[in-house]
């Protein structure tokens, strides 16, 4: 499925005009749900409904996951819309106002769907996972012209596998397809060096790799990592992005990580607000 799916006009309430904020709310949340289900690993092979083309489409989707030494990741998903005509601009301004006035509705509905998605990834990987600290915002940004940006952020607890000082990220994203207008960046903490990355990234930073579709195609479902000492960075083709600490191990063990996750789950309510209709 194309994560840059057109915003569906059929989701408007009753006879609402395409610029009505209620249309935008349904459109944006539908796209978020579709993308995250596809990227959940087990959902990649499932059938998803195709959304109808509306009056506005996302022009760019940017996914970022900042993985910490415990394997948790702070995720952000940005949907960028070119505000290149009056109707689109007015529609986005209505959405921005609606998000500011009904933030808990947007956040609650997104959190509920993400919890289902992450539960599927948990079953596929056998690793305990959770969704925490969901936020949403809408803003404008001058990026080669004026863009409207809808940004969802959340903590994905247990996103990456951690074992004997190594971090392996990618199994929770098995089957994720990136089209030409979608990119994914995975970053890791200071003090780690890369073992293997597959597919080969389109860009690499000091502590990150970025894939831009469609050349990257899909993320492999199997992982392999080899430990190496700190030194000149080398890239090898294997599965997933995998990092080893340099020069010393992070000291994180699977048992301590499970205890930490249990404590966090007891401290953070898992219930979310009722979903708006």
C-alpha atoms as a PDB file:
ATOM      1  CA  UNK A   1       0.000   0.000   0.000  1.00  0.00           C
ATOM      2  CA  UNK A   2       1.113   3.536  -0.771  1.00  0.00           C
ATOM      3  CA  UNK A   3       1.594   5.422   2.527  1.00  0.00           C
ATOM      4  CA  UNK A   4       1.061   8.695   0.629  1.00  0.00           C
ATOM      5  CA  UNK A   5      -2.566   7.734  -0.075  1.00  0.00           C
ATOM      6  CA  UNK A   6      -4.809  10.587  -1.155  1.00  0.00           C
ATOM      7  CA  UNK A   7      -6.897  12.161   1.577  1.00  0.00           C
ATOM      8  CA  UNK A   8     -10.354  10.597   1.145  1.00  0.00           C
ATOM      9  CA  UNK A   9     -13.237  12.944   0.409  1.00  0.00           C
ATOM     10  CA  UNK A  10     -15.818  10.268   1.239  1.00  0.00           C
ATOM     11  CA  UNK A  11     -14.993  10.592   4.946  1.00  0.00           C
ATOM     12  CA  UNK A  12     -16.679  14.021   5.279  1.00  0.00           C
ATOM     13  CA  UNK A  13     -19.612  14.168   7.688  1.00  0.00           C
ATOM     14  CA  UNK A  14     -22.922  14.342   5.922  1.00  0.00           C
ATOM     15  CA  UNK A  15     -22.854  17.031   3.253  1.00  0.00           C
ATOM     16  CA  UNK A  16     -19.848  18.863   4.675  1.00  0.00           C
ATOM     17  CA  UNK A  17     -17.664  20.744   2.243  1.00  0.00           C
ATOM     18  CA  UNK A  18     -14.116  19.441   1.602  1.00  0.00           C
ATOM     19  CA  UNK A  19     -12.727  22.434   3.502  1.00  0.00           C
ATOM     20  CA  UNK A  20     -14.715  21.543   6.643  1.00  0.00           C
ATOM     21  CA  UNK A  21     -12.510  20.545   9.583  1.00  0.00           C
ATOM     22  CA  UNK A  22     -14.526  17.349  10.167  1.00  0.00           C
ATOM     23  CA  UNK A  23     -13.480  16.092   6.715  1.00  0.00           C
ATOM     24  CA  UNK A  24      -9.836  16.757   7.471  1.00  0.00           C
ATOM     25  CA  UNK A  25     -10.030  14.965  10.798  1.00  0.00           C
ATOM     26  CA  UNK A  26     -11.349  11.760   9.250  1.00  0.00           C
ATOM     27  CA  UNK A  27      -8.941  11.954   6.319  1.00  0.00           C
ATOM     28  CA  UNK A  28      -5.799  12.469   8.329  1.00  0.00           C
ATOM     29  CA  UNK A  29      -6.562   9.783  10.919  1.00  0.00           C
ATOM     30  CA  UNK A  30      -7.431   7.308   8.164  1.00  0.00           C
ATOM     31  CA  UNK A  31      -4.051   7.821   6.520  1.00  0.00           C
ATOM     32  CA  UNK A  32      -2.204   7.481   9.823  1.00  0.00           C
ATOM     33  CA  UNK A  33      -4.008   4.226  10.588  1.00  0.00           C
ATOM     34  CA  UNK A  34      -3.300   2.800   7.137  1.00  0.00           C
ATOM     35  CA  UNK A  35       0.403   3.608   7.259  1.00  0.00           C
ATOM     36  CA  UNK A  36       0.920   2.210  10.737  1.00  0.00           C
ATOM     37  CA  UNK A  37      -0.950  -1.005  10.015  1.00  0.00           C
ATOM     38  CA  UNK A  38       1.204  -1.592   6.952  1.00  0.00           C
ATOM     39  CA  UNK A  39       4.357  -0.966   8.946  1.00  0.00           C
ATOM     40  CA  UNK A  40       3.440  -3.232  11.842  1.00  0.00           C
ATOM     41  CA  UNK A  41       5.097  -6.340  10.402  1.00  0.00           C
ATOM     42  CA  UNK A  42       2.211  -8.803  10.508  1.00  0.00           C
ATOM     43  CA  UNK A  43      -0.069  -6.295   8.831  1.00  0.00           C
ATOM     44  CA  UNK A  44       2.127  -5.905   5.785  1.00  0.00           C
ATOM     45  CA  UNK A  45       0.640  -8.940   4.049  1.00  0.00           C
ATOM     46  CA  UNK A  46      -2.962  -8.096   4.917  1.00  0.00           C
ATOM     47  CA  UNK A  47      -5.534  -6.495   2.650  1.00  0.00           C
ATOM     48  CA  UNK A  48      -6.431  -2.886   3.374  1.00  0.00           C
ATOM     49  CA  UNK A  49      -9.220  -0.802   1.836  1.00  0.00           C
ATOM     50  CA  UNK A  50      -8.150   1.647  -0.834  1.00  0.00           C
ATOM     51  CA  UNK A  51      -9.066   5.207   0.038  1.00  0.00           C
ATOM     52  CA  UNK A  52     -10.824   7.374  -2.517  1.00  0.00           C
ATOM     53  CA  UNK A  53      -9.137  10.466  -3.916  1.00  0.00           C
ATOM     54  CA  UNK A  54     -10.297  13.708  -2.321  1.00  0.00           C
ATOM     55  CA  UNK A  55      -9.546  17.350  -3.025  1.00  0.00           C
ATOM     56  CA  UNK A  56      -6.274  17.326  -1.090  1.00  0.00           C
ATOM     57  CA  UNK A  57      -3.397  14.868  -0.932  1.00  0.00           C
ATOM     58  CA  UNK A  58      -0.258  14.606   1.166  1.00  0.00           C
ATOM     59  CA  UNK A  59       2.838  15.544  -0.789  1.00  0.00           C
ATOM     60  CA  UNK A  60       5.423  14.110   1.581  1.00  0.00           C
ATOM     61  CA  UNK A  61       5.479  11.620   4.463  1.00  0.00           C
ATOM     62  CA  UNK A  62       8.450  11.686   6.848  1.00  0.00           C
ATOM     63  CA  UNK A  63       8.905   8.927   9.441  1.00  0.00           C
ATOM     64  CA  UNK A  64      11.561   9.167  12.141  1.00  0.00           C
ATOM     65  CA  UNK A  65      12.432   6.742  14.945  1.00  0.00           C
ATOM     66  CA  UNK A  66      15.016   7.737  17.550  1.00  0.00           C
ATOM     67  CA  UNK A  67      16.006   4.504  19.296  1.00  0.00           C
ATOM     68  CA  UNK A  68      17.510   4.591  22.790  1.00  0.00           C
ATOM     69  CA  UNK A  69      19.824   2.068  24.443  1.00  0.00           C
ATOM     70  CA  UNK A  70      16.868   0.199  25.960  1.00  0.00           C
ATOM     71  CA  UNK A  71      15.313  -0.430  22.544  1.00  0.00           C
ATOM     72  CA  UNK A  72      12.501   2.075  23.016  1.00  0.00           C
ATOM     73  CA  UNK A  73      12.000   4.629  20.244  1.00  0.00           C
ATOM     74  CA  UNK A  74      10.520   8.099  20.038  1.00  0.00           C
ATOM     75  CA  UNK A  75       8.564   8.069  16.791  1.00  0.00           C
ATOM     76  CA  UNK A  76       7.277  10.946  14.719  1.00  0.00           C
ATOM     77  CA  UNK A  77       5.144  10.799  11.588  1.00  0.00           C
ATOM     78  CA  UNK A  78       4.834  13.990   9.563  1.00  0.00           C
ATOM     79  CA  UNK A  79       2.310  14.475   6.775  1.00  0.00           C
ATOM     80  CA  UNK A  80       3.258  17.465   4.643  1.00  0.00           C
ATOM     81  CA  UNK A  81       0.705  19.154   2.417  1.00  0.00           C
ATOM     82  CA  UNK A  82       1.669  21.819  -0.116  1.00  0.00           C
ATOM     83  CA  UNK A  83      -0.483  24.888   0.519  1.00  0.00           C
ATOM     84  CA  UNK A  84      -0.432  25.907  -3.118  1.00  0.00           C
ATOM     85  CA  UNK A  85      -4.024  27.099  -3.534  1.00  0.00           C
ATOM     86  CA  UNK A  86      -6.611  28.947  -1.470  1.00  0.00           C
ATOM     87  CA  UNK A  87      -8.925  25.983  -0.894  1.00  0.00           C
ATOM     88  CA  UNK A  88      -6.124  23.797   0.439  1.00  0.00           C
ATOM     89  CA  UNK A  89      -4.814  26.586   2.642  1.00  0.00           C
ATOM     90  CA  UNK A  90      -8.243  27.290   4.124  1.00  0.00           C
ATOM     91  CA  UNK A  91      -8.865  23.593   4.718  1.00  0.00           C
ATOM     92  CA  UNK A  92      -5.570  23.192   6.532  1.00  0.00           C
ATOM     93  CA  UNK A  93      -6.200  26.271   8.669  1.00  0.00           C
ATOM     94  CA  UNK A  94      -9.558  24.767   9.694  1.00  0.00           C
ATOM     95  CA  UNK A  95      -7.840  21.509  10.590  1.00  0.00           C
ATOM     96  CA  UNK A  96      -5.163  23.302  12.577  1.00  0.00           C
ATOM     97  CA  UNK A  97      -7.808  25.101  14.608  1.00  0.00           C
ATOM     98  CA  UNK A  98      -9.754  21.883  15.161  1.00  0.00           C
ATOM     99  CA  UNK A  99      -6.657  20.079  16.436  1.00  0.00           C
ATOM    100  CA  UNK A 100      -5.945  22.890  18.874  1.00  0.00           C
ATOM    101  CA  UNK A 101      -9.526  22.770  20.175  1.00  0.00           C
ATOM    102  CA  UNK A 102      -9.908  18.967  20.228  1.00  0.00           C
ATOM    103  CA  UNK A 103      -6.394  17.714  20.868  1.00  0.00           C
ATOM    104  CA  UNK A 104      -7.504  14.921  23.199  1.00  0.00           C
ATOM    105  CA  UNK A 105      -9.846  13.509  20.534  1.00  0.00           C
ATOM    106  CA  UNK A 106      -7.096  13.296  17.938  1.00  0.00           C
ATOM    107  CA  UNK A 107      -4.578  11.967  20.428  1.00  0.00           C
ATOM    108  CA  UNK A 108      -6.971   9.390  21.866  1.00  0.00           C
ATOM    109  CA  UNK A 109      -8.055   7.968  18.521  1.00  0.00           C
ATOM    110  CA  UNK A 110      -4.484   7.743  17.275  1.00  0.00           C
ATOM    111  CA  UNK A 111      -3.302   6.105  20.510  1.00  0.00           C
ATOM    112  CA  UNK A 112      -6.081   3.505  20.353  1.00  0.00           C
ATOM    113  CA  UNK A 113      -5.187   2.475  16.816  1.00  0.00           C
ATOM    114  CA  UNK A 114      -1.460   2.480  17.538  1.00  0.00           C
ATOM    115  CA  UNK A 115      -1.982   0.189  20.517  1.00  0.00           C
ATOM    116  CA  UNK A 116      -3.675  -2.345  18.233  1.00  0.00           C
ATOM    117  CA  UNK A 117      -0.889  -2.027  15.686  1.00  0.00           C
ATOM    118  CA  UNK A 118       1.891  -2.391  18.239  1.00  0.00           C
ATOM    119  CA  UNK A 119       0.112  -5.387  19.789  1.00  0.00           C
ATOM    120  CA  UNK A 120       0.302  -7.095  16.387  1.00  0.00           C
ATOM    121  CA  UNK A 121       4.023  -6.302  16.161  1.00  0.00           C
ATOM    122  CA  UNK A 122       4.458  -7.644  19.700  1.00  0.00           C
ATOM    123  CA  UNK A 123       2.884 -10.943  18.663  1.00  0.00           C
ATOM    124  CA  UNK A 124       5.052 -11.117  15.547  1.00  0.00           C
ATOM    125  CA  UNK A 125       8.345 -10.411  17.327  1.00  0.00           C
ATOM    126  CA  UNK A 126       7.662 -12.015  20.707  1.00  0.00           C
ATOM    127  CA  UNK A 127       8.879  -8.838  22.388  1.00  0.00           C
ATOM    128  CA  UNK A 128       6.900  -6.848  24.961  1.00  0.00           C
ATOM    129  CA  UNK A 129       5.772  -3.497  23.535  1.00  0.00           C
ATOM    130  CA  UNK A 130       3.652  -0.510  24.491  1.00  0.00           C
ATOM    131  CA  UNK A 131       2.579   2.911  23.191  1.00  0.00           C
ATOM    132  CA  UNK A 132       3.106   5.932  25.434  1.00  0.00           C
ATOM    133  CA  UNK A 133       3.183   9.740  25.361  1.00  0.00           C
ATOM    134  CA  UNK A 134       1.186  10.386  22.187  1.00  0.00           C
ATOM    135  CA  UNK A 135       1.118  13.979  20.920  1.00  0.00           C
ATOM    136  CA  UNK A 136      -0.324  15.687  17.849  1.00  0.00           C
ATOM    137  CA  UNK A 137       0.137  19.103  16.306  1.00  0.00           C
ATOM    138  CA  UNK A 138      -0.593  20.943  13.073  1.00  0.00           C
ATOM    139  CA  UNK A 139       1.557  23.813  11.866  1.00  0.00           C
ATOM    140  CA  UNK A 140       2.901  25.509   8.769  1.00  0.00           C
ATOM    141  CA  UNK A 141       6.519  25.499   7.684  1.00  0.00           C
ATOM    142  CA  UNK A 142       8.336  27.136   4.748  1.00  0.00           C
ATOM    143  CA  UNK A 143      10.072  24.189   3.101  1.00  0.00           C
ATOM    144  CA  UNK A 144      10.698  25.080  -0.535  1.00  0.00           C
ATOM    145  CA  UNK A 145       7.416  26.927  -0.342  1.00  0.00           C
ATOM    146  CA  UNK A 146       4.645  26.884   2.235  1.00  0.00           C
ATOM    147  CA  UNK A 147       3.666  23.511   3.668  1.00  0.00           C
ATOM    148  CA  UNK A 148       1.063  22.443   6.194  1.00  0.00           C
ATOM    149  CA  UNK A 149       2.395  19.770   8.541  1.00  0.00           C
ATOM    150  CA  UNK A 150       0.411  17.285  10.632  1.00  0.00           C
ATOM    151  CA  UNK A 151       2.752  15.629  13.115  1.00  0.00           C
ATOM    152  CA  UNK A 152       2.022  12.678  15.403  1.00  0.00           C
ATOM    153  CA  UNK A 153       4.671  11.649  17.952  1.00  0.00           C
ATOM    154  CA  UNK A 154       4.744   8.748  20.410  1.00  0.00           C
ATOM    155  CA  UNK A 155       7.029   6.419  22.344  1.00  0.00           C
ATOM    156  CA  UNK A 156       7.163   2.884  20.999  1.00  0.00           C
ATOM    157  CA  UNK A 157       8.368   0.843  23.981  1.00  0.00           C
ATOM    158  CA  UNK A 158      10.215  -2.302  22.873  1.00  0.00           C
ATOM    159  CA  UNK A 159      10.548  -1.196  19.242  1.00  0.00           C
ATOM    160  CA  UNK A 160      14.094  -2.561  18.855  1.00  0.00           C
ATOM    161  CA  UNK A 161      15.658  -5.757  20.171  1.00  0.00           C
ATOM    162  CA  UNK A 162      18.449  -5.356  22.742  1.00  0.00           C
ATOM    163  CA  UNK A 163      20.831  -8.193  23.534  1.00  0.00           C
ATOM    164  CA  UNK A 164      24.344  -8.212  25.014  1.00  0.00           C
ATOM    165  CA  UNK A 165      24.866  -4.540  24.316  1.00  0.00           C
ATOM    166  CA  UNK A 166      23.555  -4.639  20.742  1.00  0.00           C
ATOM    167  CA  UNK A 167      20.536  -2.815  19.329  1.00  0.00           C
ATOM    168  CA  UNK A 168      18.695  -4.356  16.363  1.00  0.00           C
ATOM    169  CA  UNK A 169      15.878  -2.331  14.805  1.00  0.00           C
ATOM    170  CA  UNK A 170      13.717  -3.423  11.899  1.00  0.00           C
ATOM    171  CA  UNK A 171      11.736  -6.547  12.729  1.00  0.00           C
ATOM    172  CA  UNK A 172       8.708  -4.502  13.827  1.00  0.00           C
ATOM    173  CA  UNK A 173       8.698  -2.855  10.372  1.00  0.00           C
ATOM    174  CA  UNK A 174       8.906  -5.985   8.228  1.00  0.00           C
ATOM    175  CA  UNK A 175       7.217  -5.358   4.888  1.00  0.00           C
ATOM    176  CA  UNK A 176       7.068  -1.568   5.163  1.00  0.00           C
ATOM    177  CA  UNK A 177       6.852  -0.110   1.639  1.00  0.00           C
ATOM    178  CA  UNK A 178       8.237   3.353   0.968  1.00  0.00           C
ATOM    179  CA  UNK A 179       7.093   5.171  -2.151  1.00  0.00           C
ATOM    180  CA  UNK A 180       9.042   7.944  -3.890  1.00  0.00           C
ATOM    181  CA  UNK A 181       7.592  10.606  -1.577  1.00  0.00           C
ATOM    182  CA  UNK A 182       8.102   8.785   1.719  1.00  0.00           C
ATOM    183  CA  UNK A 183      11.253   8.488   3.798  1.00  0.00           C
ATOM    184  CA  UNK A 184      12.188   6.681   6.996  1.00  0.00           C
ATOM    185  CA  UNK A 185      15.026   7.644   9.344  1.00  0.00           C
ATOM    186  CA  UNK A 186      16.250   5.473  12.213  1.00  0.00           C
ATOM    187  CA  UNK A 187      18.746   6.979  14.647  1.00  0.00           C
ATOM    188  CA  UNK A 188      20.603   5.568  17.651  1.00  0.00           C
ATOM    189  CA  UNK A 189      22.411   6.892  20.747  1.00  0.00           C
ATOM    190  CA  UNK A 190      25.943   8.241  20.914  1.00  0.00           C
ATOM    191  CA  UNK A 191      28.609   5.655  21.672  1.00  0.00           C
ATOM    192  CA  UNK A 192      27.337   3.042  19.202  1.00  0.00           C
ATOM    193  CA  UNK A 193      28.834   2.013  15.866  1.00  0.00           C
ATOM    194  CA  UNK A 194      27.014   0.338  12.975  1.00  0.00           C
ATOM    195  CA  UNK A 195      27.343  -3.384  12.380  1.00  0.00           C
ATOM    196  CA  UNK A 196      25.017  -3.967   9.444  1.00  0.00           C
ATOM    197  CA  UNK A 197      22.294  -2.137   7.525  1.00  0.00           C
ATOM    198  CA  UNK A 198      19.913  -3.572   4.958  1.00  0.00           C
ATOM    199  CA  UNK A 199      18.725  -2.356   2.530  1.00  0.00           C
ATOM    200  CA  UNK A 200      21.622   0.026   1.898  1.00  0.00           C
ATOM    201  CA  UNK A 201      20.502   3.475   3.111  1.00  0.00           C
ATOM    202  CA  UNK A 202      20.019   6.405   0.767  1.00  0.00           C
ATOM    203  CA  UNK A 203      21.617   8.731   3.306  1.00  0.00           C
ATOM    204  CA  UNK A 204      23.685   8.230   6.423  1.00  0.00           C
ATOM    205  CA  UNK A 205      24.405  10.585   9.285  1.00  0.00           C
ATOM    206  CA  UNK A 206      26.711  10.357  12.254  1.00  0.00           C
ATOM    207  CA  UNK A 207      24.081   8.431  14.227  1.00  0.00           C
ATOM    208  CA  UNK A 208      21.357   7.715  11.682  1.00  0.00           C
ATOM    209  CA  UNK A 209      20.403   6.099   8.398  1.00  0.00           C
ATOM    210  CA  UNK A 210      17.634   7.171   6.027  1.00  0.00           C
ATOM    211  CA  UNK A 211      15.761   5.213   3.383  1.00  0.00           C
ATOM    212  CA  UNK A 212      13.760   6.959   0.662  1.00  0.00           C
ATOM    213  CA  UNK A 213      11.405   4.928  -1.510  1.00  0.00           C
ATOM    214  CA  UNK A 214      10.925   3.304  -3.846  1.00  0.00           C
ATOM    215  CA  UNK A 215      14.537   2.229  -4.351  1.00  0.00           C
ATOM    216  CA  UNK A 216      14.718   0.886  -0.793  1.00  0.00           C
ATOM    217  CA  UNK A 217      11.628  -1.235  -1.512  1.00  0.00           C
ATOM    218  CA  UNK A 218      10.836  -3.156   1.697  1.00  0.00           C
ATOM    219  CA  UNK A 219      12.609  -3.624   5.011  1.00  0.00           C
ATOM    220  CA  UNK A 220      13.808  -7.164   5.539  1.00  0.00           C
ATOM    221  CA  UNK A 221      12.086  -9.250   8.188  1.00  0.00           C
ATOM    222  CA  UNK A 222      15.192 -11.090   9.450  1.00  0.00           C
ATOM    223  CA  UNK A 223      18.002  -9.562  11.491  1.00  0.00           C
ATOM    224  CA  UNK A 224      21.665 -10.414  11.804  1.00  0.00           C
ATOM    225  CA  UNK A 225      24.311  -8.492  13.727  1.00  0.00           C
ATOM    226  CA  UNK A 226      28.040  -8.832  14.234  1.00  0.00           C
ATOM    227  CA  UNK A 227      29.918  -7.067  17.025  1.00  0.00           C
ATOM    228  CA  UNK A 228      32.950  -4.992  16.074  1.00  0.00           C
ATOM    229  CA  UNK A 229      35.202  -2.572  17.897  1.00  0.00           C
ATOM    230  CA  UNK A 230      34.973   1.182  17.345  1.00  0.00           C
ATOM    231  CA  UNK A 231      36.782   2.329  14.226  1.00  0.00           C
ATOM    232  CA  UNK A 232      36.118   3.570  10.696  1.00  0.00           C
ATOM    233  CA  UNK A 233      32.493   2.970   9.841  1.00  0.00           C
ATOM    234  CA  UNK A 234      31.833   0.186   7.360  1.00  0.00           C
ATOM    235  CA  UNK A 235      28.533  -0.703   5.748  1.00  0.00           C
ATOM    236  CA  UNK A 236      27.558  -4.327   5.168  1.00  0.00           C
ATOM    237  CA  UNK A 237      24.446  -5.736   3.608  1.00  0.00           C
ATOM    238  CA  UNK A 238      22.466  -7.818   6.076  1.00  0.00           C
ATOM    239  CA  UNK A 239      19.053  -7.398   7.679  1.00  0.00           C
ATOM    240  CA  UNK A 240      17.836  -4.411   9.687  1.00  0.00           C
ATOM    241  CA  UNK A 241      19.908  -1.652  11.245  1.00  0.00           C
ATOM    242  CA  UNK A 242      22.008  -2.978  14.078  1.00  0.00           C
ATOM    243  CA  UNK A 243      24.376  -1.151  16.333  1.00  0.00           C
ATOM    244  CA  UNK A 244      26.987  -2.161  18.907  1.00  0.00           C
ATOM    245  CA  UNK A 245      28.217   0.057  21.711  1.00  0.00           C
ATOM    246  CA  UNK A 246      31.660   1.545  21.561  1.00  0.00           C
ATOM    247  CA  UNK A 247      33.757   1.050  23.452  1.00  0.00           C
ATOM    248  CA  UNK A 248      31.692  -0.561  26.254  1.00  0.00           C
ATOM    249  CA  UNK A 249      28.398  -2.424  26.528  1.00  0.00           C
ATOM    250  CA  UNK A 250      25.280  -0.523  27.565  1.00  0.00           C
ATOM    251  CA  UNK A 251      24.782  -3.127  30.311  1.00  0.00           C
ATOM    252  CA  UNK A 252      21.138  -3.619  29.387  1.00  0.00           C
ATOM    253  CA  UNK A 253      19.835  -7.174  29.774  1.00  0.00           C
ATOM    254  CA  UNK A 254      16.603  -8.695  28.591  1.00  0.00           C
ATOM    255  CA  UNK A 255      15.542  -9.441  32.172  1.00  0.00           C
ATOM    256  CA  UNK A 256      16.166  -5.906  33.435  1.00  0.00           C
ATOM    257  CA  UNK A 257      14.387  -4.522  30.403  1.00  0.00           C
ATOM    258  CA  UNK A 258      11.293  -6.626  31.083  1.00  0.00           C
ATOM    259  CA  UNK A 259      11.253  -5.426  34.684  1.00  0.00           C
ATOM    260  CA  UNK A 260      11.523  -1.824  33.526  1.00  0.00           C
ATOM    261  CA  UNK A 261       8.654  -2.268  31.069  1.00  0.00           C
ATOM    262  CA  UNK A 262       6.475  -3.841  33.772  1.00  0.00           C
ATOM    263  CA  UNK A 263       7.094  -0.873  36.060  1.00  0.00           C
ATOM    264  CA  UNK A 264       6.262   1.598  33.305  1.00  0.00           C
ATOM    265  CA  UNK A 265       3.065  -0.223  32.426  1.00  0.00           C
ATOM    266  CA  UNK A 266       1.898  -0.110  36.025  1.00  0.00           C
ATOM    267  CA  UNK A 267       2.602   3.620  36.191  1.00  0.00           C
ATOM    268  CA  UNK A 268       0.968   4.623  32.896  1.00  0.00           C
ATOM    269  CA  UNK A 269      -2.786   4.083  32.317  1.00  0.00           C
ATOM    270  CA  UNK A 270      -3.429   2.204  29.098  1.00  0.00           C
ATOM    271  CA  UNK A 271      -6.966   3.497  28.577  1.00  0.00           C
ATOM    272  CA  UNK A 272      -7.585   6.171  25.956  1.00  0.00           C
ATOM    273  CA  UNK A 273     -10.491   8.594  25.468  1.00  0.00           C
ATOM    274  CA  UNK A 274     -13.492   7.450  23.490  1.00  0.00           C
ATOM    275  CA  UNK A 275     -13.075   7.936  19.781  1.00  0.00           C
ATOM    276  CA  UNK A 276     -14.923  10.772  18.054  1.00  0.00           C
ATOM    277  CA  UNK A 277     -17.254   9.827  15.300  1.00  0.00           C
END
